[in-house]
Amino acid sequence: MLKKEFHCRTTQTITRLTSVLLVLAVLTVTLIQPSETNLAFAATCVKYHVVQAGDTLSTLAQTYGVKIEDLASANNLTSPYVIYIGQSICIPATTTVTTGTTGTTTTATSKKPTLLILNFSRKVYVQVTNFPKNTTYYVRAGNREDWVRIGRLRTNKDGNASDIFRIPAAVDKTSNLSICLKNVITEVVVCHTIIR
């Protein structure tokens, strides 16, 4: 009887430990999963528009002559496309080109620029691919109120770069931390927000 009870408790303990380890594994994968942003349009923002009262994504798309889907994609917005007064909206560049004497229009195809951010406690790993070649970017971290420059990133001859940056305590405690790269020449800014 005692042996049977011991075996039952051991089995329960092993089952509980396995369940806890499974939950921890799922949480680890969820929390450390890379946040990759497709910047096919965001990396080529031609302008930024600060949202005013009455602005909608639809009216901004009409005003700047871009598709609403492209505008939403460039700003990581999902339906129902909610925007806020004071929000900075990236206006993407159009990539159509006229070729030949017939006036046919084709869409330019190129590798899409991407920004990868991995958040590790008080550090972030920043990786860019297919960005402009041999270009320096200031890397900033912050939220809507506080911004801190945390370093510089320079792309190589292929337009790629990566580095690890320390997040200062002043901005580390925010639940929505934004990491921004600012081209030092053109001043084009590309941001990605990490929801923690």
C-alpha atoms as a PDB file:
ATOM      1  CA  MET A   1       0.000   0.000   0.000  1.00  0.00           C
ATOM      2  CA  LEU A   2       2.786   2.425   0.940  1.00  0.00           C
ATOM      3  CA  LYS A   3       4.715   1.583  -2.243  1.00  0.00           C
ATOM      4  CA  LYS A   4       1.633   2.261  -4.371  1.00  0.00           C
ATOM      5  CA  GLU A   5       1.027   5.642  -2.669  1.00  0.00           C
ATOM      6  CA  PHE A   6       4.694   6.619  -3.129  1.00  0.00           C
ATOM      7  CA  HIS A   7       4.531   5.675  -6.826  1.00  0.00           C
ATOM      8  CA  CYS A   8       1.329   7.727  -7.255  1.00  0.00           C
ATOM      9  CA  ARG A   9       2.887  10.817  -5.609  1.00  0.00           C
ATOM     10  CA  THR A  10       6.046  10.457  -7.671  1.00  0.00           C
ATOM     11  CA  THR A  11       3.998  10.269 -10.859  1.00  0.00           C
ATOM     12  CA  GLN A  12       2.001  13.370  -9.833  1.00  0.00           C
ATOM     13  CA  THR A  13       5.199  15.273  -9.055  1.00  0.00           C
ATOM     14  CA  ILE A  14       6.746  14.347 -12.393  1.00  0.00           C
ATOM     15  CA  THR A  15       3.529  15.365 -14.198  1.00  0.00           C
ATOM     16  CA  ARG A  16       3.485  18.741 -12.418  1.00  0.00           C
ATOM     17  CA  LEU A  17       7.166  19.400 -13.168  1.00  0.00           C
ATOM     18  CA  THR A  18       6.648  18.478 -16.810  1.00  0.00           C
ATOM     19  CA  SER A  19       3.675  20.851 -17.002  1.00  0.00           C
ATOM     20  CA  VAL A  20       5.666  23.679 -15.417  1.00  0.00           C
ATOM     21  CA  LEU A  21       8.584  23.102 -17.803  1.00  0.00           C
ATOM     22  CA  LEU A  22       6.210  23.073 -20.768  1.00  0.00           C
ATOM     23  CA  VAL A  23       4.640  26.377 -19.673  1.00  0.00           C
ATOM     24  CA  LEU A  24       8.107  27.901 -19.160  1.00  0.00           C
ATOM     25  CA  ALA A  25       9.206  26.735 -22.610  1.00  0.00           C
ATOM     26  CA  VAL A  26       6.145  28.299 -24.239  1.00  0.00           C
ATOM     27  CA  LEU A  27       6.671  31.566 -22.339  1.00  0.00           C
ATOM     28  CA  THR A  28      10.351  31.652 -23.274  1.00  0.00           C
ATOM     29  CA  VAL A  29       9.613  31.155 -26.963  1.00  0.00           C
ATOM     30  CA  THR A  30       6.864  33.796 -26.824  1.00  0.00           C
ATOM     31  CA  LEU A  31       8.941  36.404 -24.993  1.00  0.00           C
ATOM     32  CA  ILE A  32      12.180  35.923 -26.912  1.00  0.00           C
ATOM     33  CA  GLN A  33      10.577  35.510 -30.317  1.00  0.00           C
ATOM     34  CA  PRO A  34      12.107  38.031 -32.708  1.00  0.00           C
ATOM     35  CA  SER A  35      10.062  41.045 -33.656  1.00  0.00           C
ATOM     36  CA  GLU A  36      10.652  41.418 -37.357  1.00  0.00           C
ATOM     37  CA  THR A  37       9.175  44.353 -39.162  1.00  0.00           C
ATOM     38  CA  ASN A  38       8.763  44.392 -42.889  1.00  0.00           C
ATOM     39  CA  LEU A  39      10.101  47.767 -43.916  1.00  0.00           C
ATOM     40  CA  ALA A  40       9.521  47.570 -47.652  1.00  0.00           C
ATOM     41  CA  PHE A  41       7.806  50.937 -47.389  1.00  0.00           C
ATOM     42  CA  ALA A  42       8.912  52.274 -43.977  1.00  0.00           C
ATOM     43  CA  ALA A  43      12.571  52.304 -44.973  1.00  0.00           C
ATOM     44  CA  THR A  44      11.648  54.478 -47.943  1.00  0.00           C
ATOM     45  CA  CYS A  45       9.440  57.021 -46.213  1.00  0.00           C
ATOM     46  CA  VAL A  46       9.477  60.184 -48.263  1.00  0.00           C
ATOM     47  CA  LYS A  47       7.729  62.204 -45.606  1.00  0.00           C
ATOM     48  CA  TYR A  48       6.203  62.006 -42.153  1.00  0.00           C
ATOM     49  CA  HIS A  49       2.767  63.432 -41.447  1.00  0.00           C
ATOM     50  CA  VAL A  50       1.741  64.416 -37.912  1.00  0.00           C
ATOM     51  CA  VAL A  51      -1.910  63.431 -37.458  1.00  0.00           C
ATOM     52  CA  GLN A  52      -4.281  66.363 -36.949  1.00  0.00           C
ATOM     53  CA  ALA A  53      -7.917  66.353 -35.793  1.00  0.00           C
ATOM     54  CA  GLY A  54     -10.093  64.954 -38.595  1.00  0.00           C
ATOM     55  CA  ASP A  55      -7.326  62.969 -40.305  1.00  0.00           C
ATOM     56  CA  THR A  56      -8.069  59.374 -41.245  1.00  0.00           C
ATOM     57  CA  LEU A  57      -5.832  56.838 -42.924  1.00  0.00           C
ATOM     58  CA  SER A  58      -8.105  57.022 -45.946  1.00  0.00           C
ATOM     59  CA  THR A  59      -7.809  60.813 -46.291  1.00  0.00           C
ATOM     60  CA  LEU A  60      -4.030  60.625 -45.802  1.00  0.00           C
ATOM     61  CA  ALA A  61      -3.790  57.966 -48.529  1.00  0.00           C
ATOM     62  CA  GLN A  62      -5.752  60.219 -50.886  1.00  0.00           C
ATOM     63  CA  THR A  63      -3.767  63.323 -49.964  1.00  0.00           C
ATOM     64  CA  TYR A  64      -0.391  61.683 -50.609  1.00  0.00           C
ATOM     65  CA  GLY A  65      -1.471  59.468 -53.531  1.00  0.00           C
ATOM     66  CA  VAL A  66      -0.682  56.112 -51.949  1.00  0.00           C
ATOM     67  CA  LYS A  67      -2.760  52.989 -51.391  1.00  0.00           C
ATOM     68  CA  ILE A  68      -4.350  52.738 -47.952  1.00  0.00           C
ATOM     69  CA  GLU A  69      -2.894  49.204 -47.617  1.00  0.00           C
ATOM     70  CA  ASP A  70       0.632  50.520 -48.294  1.00  0.00           C
ATOM     71  CA  LEU A  71       0.149  53.326 -45.779  1.00  0.00           C
ATOM     72  CA  ALA A  72      -1.095  50.834 -43.156  1.00  0.00           C
ATOM     73  CA  SER A  73       1.780  48.440 -43.878  1.00  0.00           C
ATOM     74  CA  ALA A  74       4.416  51.182 -43.628  1.00  0.00           C
ATOM     75  CA  ASN A  75       3.088  52.104 -40.182  1.00  0.00           C
ATOM     76  CA  ASN A  76       2.404  48.573 -38.870  1.00  0.00           C
ATOM     77  CA  LEU A  77      -1.323  49.274 -38.592  1.00  0.00           C
ATOM     78  CA  THR A  78      -3.983  46.597 -38.662  1.00  0.00           C
ATOM     79  CA  SER A  79      -7.674  46.949 -39.338  1.00  0.00           C
ATOM     80  CA  PRO A  80      -9.604  49.037 -38.185  1.00  0.00           C
ATOM     81  CA  TYR A  81      -6.597  51.376 -38.791  1.00  0.00           C
ATOM     82  CA  VAL A  82      -6.835  53.554 -35.689  1.00  0.00           C
ATOM     83  CA  ILE A  83      -4.571  56.624 -35.711  1.00  0.00           C
ATOM     84  CA  TYR A  84      -4.174  59.284 -33.022  1.00  0.00           C
ATOM     85  CA  ILE A  85      -3.740  63.047 -32.991  1.00  0.00           C
ATOM     86  CA  GLY A  86      -0.020  63.804 -32.743  1.00  0.00           C
ATOM     87  CA  GLN A  87       1.015  60.407 -34.151  1.00  0.00           C
ATOM     88  CA  SER A  88       3.757  60.543 -36.783  1.00  0.00           C
ATOM     89  CA  ILE A  89       2.687  58.640 -39.905  1.00  0.00           C
ATOM     90  CA  CYS A  90       5.247  57.407 -42.440  1.00  0.00           C
ATOM     91  CA  ILE A  91       4.265  58.299 -45.984  1.00  0.00           C
ATOM     92  CA  PRO A  92       5.844  55.584 -48.166  1.00  0.00           C
ATOM     93  CA  ALA A  93       7.563  56.263 -51.458  1.00  0.00           C
ATOM     94  CA  THR A  94       6.016  54.914 -54.601  1.00  0.00           C
ATOM     95  CA  THR A  95       8.224  52.574 -56.598  1.00  0.00           C
ATOM     96  CA  THR A  96       6.688  52.752 -60.057  1.00  0.00           C
ATOM     97  CA  VAL A  97       8.958  53.543 -62.957  1.00  0.00           C
ATOM     98  CA  THR A  98       8.188  54.428 -66.572  1.00  0.00           C
ATOM     99  CA  THR A  99      10.183  52.399 -69.076  1.00  0.00           C
ATOM    100  CA  GLY A 100      10.620  52.505 -72.842  1.00  0.00           C
ATOM    101  CA  THR A 101       8.877  54.767 -75.334  1.00  0.00           C
ATOM    102  CA  THR A 102       5.491  53.063 -75.003  1.00  0.00           C
ATOM    103  CA  GLY A 103       4.981  54.547 -71.552  1.00  0.00           C
ATOM    104  CA  THR A 104       4.368  51.241 -69.811  1.00  0.00           C
ATOM    105  CA  THR A 105       4.584  51.337 -66.063  1.00  0.00           C
ATOM    106  CA  THR A 106       6.288  48.587 -64.113  1.00  0.00           C
ATOM    107  CA  THR A 107       6.938  48.171 -60.443  1.00  0.00           C
ATOM    108  CA  ALA A 108      10.578  48.103 -59.463  1.00  0.00           C
ATOM    109  CA  THR A 109      11.578  44.905 -57.733  1.00  0.00           C
ATOM    110  CA  SER A 110      14.352  44.842 -55.195  1.00  0.00           C
ATOM    111  CA  LYS A 111      15.199  43.143 -51.954  1.00  0.00           C
ATOM    112  CA  LYS A 112      13.012  44.391 -49.129  1.00  0.00           C
ATOM    113  CA  PRO A 113      14.779  46.268 -46.330  1.00  0.00           C
ATOM    114  CA  THR A 114      14.123  44.632 -42.966  1.00  0.00           C
ATOM    115  CA  LEU A 115      14.719  45.607 -39.364  1.00  0.00           C
ATOM    116  CA  LEU A 116      15.030  42.888 -36.735  1.00  0.00           C
ATOM    117  CA  ILE A 117      14.887  43.746 -33.024  1.00  0.00           C
ATOM    118  CA  LEU A 118      15.500  41.170 -30.286  1.00  0.00           C
ATOM    119  CA  ASN A 119      14.821  42.317 -26.733  1.00  0.00           C
ATOM    120  CA  PHE A 120      16.970  40.811 -23.965  1.00  0.00           C
ATOM    121  CA  SER A 121      16.274  42.326 -20.559  1.00  0.00           C
ATOM    122  CA  ARG A 122      18.235  45.621 -20.611  1.00  0.00           C
ATOM    123  CA  LYS A 123      19.765  45.066 -24.060  1.00  0.00           C
ATOM    124  CA  VAL A 124      18.488  44.955 -27.623  1.00  0.00           C
ATOM    125  CA  TYR A 125      19.955  43.289 -30.661  1.00  0.00           C
ATOM    126  CA  VAL A 126      19.412  45.371 -33.798  1.00  0.00           C
ATOM    127  CA  GLN A 127      19.917  43.918 -37.258  1.00  0.00           C
ATOM    128  CA  VAL A 128      19.241  45.615 -40.594  1.00  0.00           C
ATOM    129  CA  THR A 129      19.363  43.961 -43.999  1.00  0.00           C
ATOM    130  CA  ASN A 130      19.075  45.498 -47.455  1.00  0.00           C
ATOM    131  CA  PHE A 131      19.309  49.060 -46.125  1.00  0.00           C
ATOM    132  CA  PRO A 132      21.239  51.747 -48.028  1.00  0.00           C
ATOM    133  CA  LYS A 133      24.911  50.756 -48.375  1.00  0.00           C
ATOM    134  CA  ASN A 134      27.674  52.314 -46.241  1.00  0.00           C
ATOM    135  CA  THR A 135      25.214  54.442 -44.290  1.00  0.00           C
ATOM    136  CA  THR A 136      25.398  55.505 -40.645  1.00  0.00           C
ATOM    137  CA  TYR A 137      22.318  55.500 -38.403  1.00  0.00           C
ATOM    138  CA  TYR A 138      21.850  56.879 -34.906  1.00  0.00           C
ATOM    139  CA  VAL A 139      20.074  54.302 -32.752  1.00  0.00           C
ATOM    140  CA  ARG A 140      17.574  55.713 -30.245  1.00  0.00           C
ATOM    141  CA  ALA A 141      15.462  54.060 -27.568  1.00  0.00           C
ATOM    142  CA  GLY A 142      12.474  55.509 -25.796  1.00  0.00           C
ATOM    143  CA  ASN A 143       8.772  56.109 -25.624  1.00  0.00           C
ATOM    144  CA  ARG A 144       6.587  59.079 -26.548  1.00  0.00           C
ATOM    145  CA  GLU A 145       8.132  61.351 -23.882  1.00  0.00           C
ATOM    146  CA  ASP A 146      11.726  60.262 -23.334  1.00  0.00           C
ATOM    147  CA  TRP A 147      14.350  59.426 -25.982  1.00  0.00           C
ATOM    148  CA  VAL A 148      17.967  58.418 -25.497  1.00  0.00           C
ATOM    149  CA  ARG A 149      20.565  57.869 -28.192  1.00  0.00           C
ATOM    150  CA  ILE A 150      22.074  54.470 -27.433  1.00  0.00           C
ATOM    151  CA  GLY A 151      24.622  54.182 -30.225  1.00  0.00           C
ATOM    152  CA  ARG A 152      25.416  54.175 -33.926  1.00  0.00           C
ATOM    153  CA  LEU A 153      25.025  51.510 -36.575  1.00  0.00           C
ATOM    154  CA  ARG A 154      26.792  51.583 -39.954  1.00  0.00           C
ATOM    155  CA  THR A 155      25.744  49.379 -42.835  1.00  0.00           C
ATOM    156  CA  ASN A 156      28.363  47.571 -44.880  1.00  0.00           C
ATOM    157  CA  LYS A 157      28.779  47.468 -48.671  1.00  0.00           C
ATOM    158  CA  ASP A 158      25.811  45.067 -48.874  1.00  0.00           C
ATOM    159  CA  GLY A 159      23.523  47.281 -46.752  1.00  0.00           C
ATOM    160  CA  ASN A 160      23.621  44.994 -43.709  1.00  0.00           C
ATOM    161  CA  ALA A 161      24.605  45.665 -40.091  1.00  0.00           C
ATOM    162  CA  SER A 162      23.972  44.378 -36.572  1.00  0.00           C
ATOM    163  CA  ASP A 163      24.945  45.221 -33.020  1.00  0.00           C
ATOM    164  CA  ILE A 164      23.830  44.900 -29.395  1.00  0.00           C
ATOM    165  CA  PHE A 165      22.865  48.049 -27.491  1.00  0.00           C
ATOM    166  CA  ARG A 166      22.314  48.621 -23.783  1.00  0.00           C
ATOM    167  CA  ILE A 167      18.969  50.178 -22.813  1.00  0.00           C
ATOM    168  CA  PRO A 168      19.426  52.940 -20.198  1.00  0.00           C
ATOM    169  CA  ALA A 169      17.383  52.598 -17.015  1.00  0.00           C
ATOM    170  CA  ALA A 170      15.612  55.891 -17.760  1.00  0.00           C
ATOM    171  CA  VAL A 171      13.679  54.320 -20.656  1.00  0.00           C
ATOM    172  CA  ASP A 172      13.936  50.625 -19.792  1.00  0.00           C
ATOM    173  CA  LYS A 173      10.894  50.577 -17.538  1.00  0.00           C
ATOM    174  CA  THR A 174       8.412  51.545 -20.250  1.00  0.00           C
ATOM    175  CA  SER A 175       5.938  48.898 -21.450  1.00  0.00           C
ATOM    176  CA  ASN A 176       6.124  50.065 -25.077  1.00  0.00           C
ATOM    177  CA  LEU A 177       9.771  50.618 -25.937  1.00  0.00           C
ATOM    178  CA  SER A 178      10.538  52.015 -29.387  1.00  0.00           C
ATOM    179  CA  ILE A 179      13.871  51.481 -31.103  1.00  0.00           C
ATOM    180  CA  CYS A 180      14.507  53.991 -33.898  1.00  0.00           C
ATOM    181  CA  LEU A 181      17.242  54.286 -36.506  1.00  0.00           C
ATOM    182  CA  LYS A 182      17.839  57.769 -37.913  1.00  0.00           C
ATOM    183  CA  ASN A 183      19.843  58.153 -41.105  1.00  0.00           C
ATOM    184  CA  VAL A 184      22.457  60.788 -40.233  1.00  0.00           C
ATOM    185  CA  ILE A 185      22.414  62.253 -43.756  1.00  0.00           C
ATOM    186  CA  THR A 186      18.770  62.133 -44.909  1.00  0.00           C
ATOM    187  CA  GLU A 187      17.286  62.163 -41.387  1.00  0.00           C
ATOM    188  CA  VAL A 188      14.799  59.454 -42.398  1.00  0.00           C
ATOM    189  CA  VAL A 189      13.694  57.643 -39.241  1.00  0.00           C
ATOM    190  CA  VAL A 190      12.649  53.989 -39.052  1.00  0.00           C
ATOM    191  CA  CYS A 191      11.147  52.771 -35.769  1.00  0.00           C
ATOM    192  CA  HIS A 192       9.902  49.545 -34.287  1.00  0.00           C
ATOM    193  CA  THR A 193       7.978  49.313 -31.011  1.00  0.00           C
ATOM    194  CA  ILE A 194       8.517  46.411 -28.641  1.00  0.00           C
ATOM    195  CA  ILE A 195       5.504  45.643 -26.470  1.00  0.00           C
ATOM    196  CA  ARG A 196       6.793  44.195 -23.221  1.00  0.00           C
END
